[in-house]
């Protein structure tokens, strides 16, 4: 299959003989998920810790599960994969493990004390944005509750990881 057809699409995509505008909410959400997953791939190559890189790969797969759930509304010819409760518990346990190593701050933190923590802080903010977009989507289309819970935990996980990787978190001086 070629990378492009050379015909142009005039702002529309055809899926299963249905025409969808590229600014359709489905494509907006799928695009946000794709952007998030792409940055995860970048970060996976930036992080030195092998254990964290392995976890980032698992999260990338989870994002594909979420994308499949959104895509299902456009193309419902496949069984939707699920984010299992156990996966959410794994993320929660990882957050607790980080809390045992480095206590959570009791103040706001200026993001990015170093390259790794800065990239993780960006992902935390992006995860929150993604969660808001998908919560908005879920008001129109019913989504599995574990999917929303997972996204919520993901931003907490990235915050905890950023604190773990930071060398010297600073609080704002206002």
Protein backbone atom coordinates (compact mmCIF):
# COMPACT_ATOMS: atom_id res chain seq x y z
CA UNK A 1 0.00 0.00 0.00
CA UNK A 2 1.52 3.38 -0.96
CA UNK A 3 2.11 6.19 1.53
CA UNK A 4 -0.13 8.48 -0.52
CA UNK A 5 -2.44 8.22 -3.52
CA UNK A 6 -1.61 11.54 -5.15
CA UNK A 7 -5.30 12.35 -5.50
CA UNK A 8 -5.84 14.52 -2.42
CA UNK A 9 -8.77 14.05 -0.09
CA UNK A 10 -10.25 17.57 0.14
CA UNK A 11 -10.42 17.26 3.94
CA UNK A 12 -12.33 13.99 4.05
CA UNK A 13 -11.56 10.37 4.80
CA UNK A 14 -13.57 7.44 3.47
CA UNK A 15 -13.91 4.53 5.86
CA UNK A 16 -16.09 1.57 4.96
CA UNK A 17 -17.77 3.64 2.23
CA UNK A 18 -18.67 6.41 4.72
CA UNK A 19 -17.30 9.92 4.30
CA UNK A 20 -15.92 11.66 7.40
CA UNK A 21 -14.63 15.21 7.67
CA UNK A 22 -11.06 15.40 8.99
CA UNK A 23 -12.21 17.73 11.78
CA UNK A 24 -14.62 15.08 13.05
CA UNK A 25 -14.36 14.44 16.82
CA UNK A 26 -13.23 10.85 16.14
CA UNK A 27 -10.20 12.06 14.20
CA UNK A 28 -9.45 14.78 16.73
CA UNK A 29 -9.33 12.22 19.55
CA UNK A 30 -7.42 9.68 17.44
CA UNK A 31 -4.94 12.40 16.46
CA UNK A 32 -4.39 13.36 20.11
CA UNK A 33 -3.80 9.71 20.98
CA UNK A 34 -1.37 9.35 18.06
CA UNK A 35 0.53 12.47 19.12
CA UNK A 36 0.74 11.18 22.69
CA UNK A 37 1.92 7.74 21.56
CA UNK A 38 4.52 9.27 19.24
CA UNK A 39 5.98 11.31 22.09
CA UNK A 40 6.00 8.17 24.23
CA UNK A 41 8.15 6.58 21.51
CA UNK A 42 10.51 9.56 21.60
CA UNK A 43 10.72 9.45 25.40
CA UNK A 44 11.29 5.69 25.37
CA UNK A 45 14.55 6.37 23.52
CA UNK A 46 15.52 9.25 25.79
CA UNK A 47 15.08 7.48 29.15
CA UNK A 48 18.12 5.55 30.31
CA UNK A 49 16.36 3.23 32.78
CA UNK A 50 15.57 -0.09 31.05
CA UNK A 51 12.70 -0.90 33.42
CA UNK A 52 10.98 2.41 32.63
CA UNK A 53 11.56 1.96 28.88
CA UNK A 54 9.83 -1.42 29.11
CA UNK A 55 6.87 0.18 30.94
CA UNK A 56 6.65 2.93 28.30
CA UNK A 57 6.34 0.24 25.62
CA UNK A 58 3.46 -1.34 27.56
CA UNK A 59 1.80 2.07 27.80
CA UNK A 60 2.20 2.53 24.04
CA UNK A 61 0.32 -0.72 23.55
CA UNK A 62 -2.38 0.50 25.97
CA UNK A 63 -2.75 3.65 23.87
CA UNK A 64 -3.37 1.45 20.82
CA UNK A 65 -6.13 -0.28 22.81
CA UNK A 66 -7.70 3.12 23.51
CA UNK A 67 -7.35 4.08 19.82
CA UNK A 68 -9.09 0.84 18.86
CA UNK A 69 -11.98 1.71 21.19
CA UNK A 70 -12.40 5.13 19.57
CA UNK A 71 -12.01 3.68 16.06
CA UNK A 72 -14.69 1.11 16.80
CA UNK A 73 -17.35 3.86 16.58
CA UNK A 74 -16.32 4.50 12.97
CA UNK A 75 -15.55 0.92 12.02
CA UNK A 76 -17.42 -1.50 14.33
CA UNK A 77 -16.39 -4.68 12.50
CA UNK A 78 -14.02 -5.90 15.18
CA UNK A 79 -14.20 -6.76 18.85
CA UNK A 80 -13.02 -3.89 21.04
CA UNK A 81 -9.98 -4.72 23.17
CA UNK A 82 -10.21 -3.69 26.81
CA UNK A 83 -8.02 -1.97 29.34
CA UNK A 84 -8.20 -4.50 32.14
CA UNK A 85 -8.63 -3.57 35.79
CA UNK A 86 -5.34 -5.38 36.52
CA UNK A 87 -3.51 -2.99 34.21
CA UNK A 88 -4.83 0.00 36.16
CA UNK A 89 -3.73 -1.69 39.38
CA UNK A 90 -0.23 -2.21 37.90
CA UNK A 91 0.05 1.53 37.23
CA UNK A 92 -1.26 2.34 40.72
CA UNK A 93 1.33 -0.01 42.25
CA UNK A 94 4.11 1.63 40.24
CA UNK A 95 3.02 5.03 41.58
CA UNK A 96 3.06 3.66 45.15
CA UNK A 97 6.51 2.19 44.54
CA UNK A 98 7.80 5.60 43.41
CA UNK A 99 6.19 7.25 46.47
CA UNK A 100 8.18 4.89 48.71
CA UNK A 101 11.40 6.01 47.01
CA UNK A 102 10.62 9.71 46.71
CA UNK A 103 7.85 11.38 48.69
CA UNK A 104 5.35 13.41 46.65
CA UNK A 105 5.90 17.18 46.89
CA UNK A 106 3.40 19.18 48.93
CA UNK A 107 3.76 22.20 46.64
CA UNK A 108 3.65 23.09 42.96
CA UNK A 109 6.75 22.12 41.01
CA UNK A 110 8.41 24.00 38.16
CA UNK A 111 8.52 21.32 35.42
CA UNK A 112 11.72 20.09 33.87
CA UNK A 113 14.63 20.10 36.30
CA UNK A 114 16.47 17.99 33.70
CA UNK A 115 15.79 16.47 30.27
CA UNK A 116 14.16 13.25 31.50
CA UNK A 117 11.93 14.92 34.08
CA UNK A 118 11.02 17.66 31.59
CA UNK A 119 9.89 15.12 28.99
CA UNK A 120 7.93 13.23 31.66
CA UNK A 121 6.32 16.49 32.87
CA UNK A 122 5.29 17.22 29.26
CA UNK A 123 3.72 13.75 28.99
CA UNK A 124 1.88 14.30 32.28
CA UNK A 125 0.38 17.53 30.94
CA UNK A 126 -0.41 15.87 27.61
CA UNK A 127 -2.05 12.94 29.42
CA UNK A 128 -4.29 15.39 31.33
CA UNK A 129 -5.23 17.11 28.08
CA UNK A 130 -5.96 13.75 26.48
CA UNK A 131 -8.08 12.75 29.45
CA UNK A 132 -10.15 15.96 29.13
CA UNK A 133 -10.65 15.36 25.39
CA UNK A 134 -11.71 11.75 25.92
CA UNK A 135 -14.02 12.64 28.84
CA UNK A 136 -15.68 15.12 26.48
CA UNK A 137 -15.91 12.39 23.82
CA UNK A 138 -17.42 9.99 26.39
CA UNK A 139 -20.30 12.43 26.94
CA UNK A 140 -21.33 11.70 23.32
CA UNK A 141 -20.28 8.05 23.01
CA UNK A 142 -20.24 5.47 25.79
CA UNK A 143 -16.72 4.32 26.65
CA UNK A 144 -15.58 1.63 29.05
CA UNK A 145 -15.07 3.16 32.51
CA UNK A 146 -11.67 1.46 32.88
CA UNK A 147 -10.42 3.37 29.87
CA UNK A 148 -11.13 6.71 31.58
CA UNK A 149 -9.74 5.50 34.91
CA UNK A 150 -6.56 4.32 33.16
CA UNK A 151 -6.02 7.72 31.53
CA UNK A 152 -6.44 9.41 34.90
CA UNK A 153 -3.84 7.16 36.53
CA UNK A 154 -1.47 7.63 33.60
CA UNK A 155 -1.03 11.34 34.27
CA UNK A 156 -0.38 10.59 37.95
CA UNK A 157 2.18 7.98 36.92
CA UNK A 158 4.03 10.45 34.70
CA UNK A 159 4.02 13.06 37.49
CA UNK A 160 5.49 10.51 39.91
CA UNK A 161 8.08 9.39 37.35
CA UNK A 162 9.07 13.00 36.63
CA UNK A 163 9.64 13.60 40.34
CA UNK A 164 11.67 10.40 40.55
CA UNK A 165 13.87 11.46 37.62
CA UNK A 166 14.21 15.09 38.72
CA UNK A 167 17.44 16.15 40.33
CA UNK A 168 16.28 19.28 42.08
CA UNK A 169 12.60 20.18 41.86
CA UNK A 170 11.98 23.85 42.48
CA UNK A 171 8.81 25.43 43.68
CA UNK A 172 7.53 28.60 42.09
CA UNK A 173 8.43 31.84 43.83
CA UNK A 174 5.31 33.96 43.80
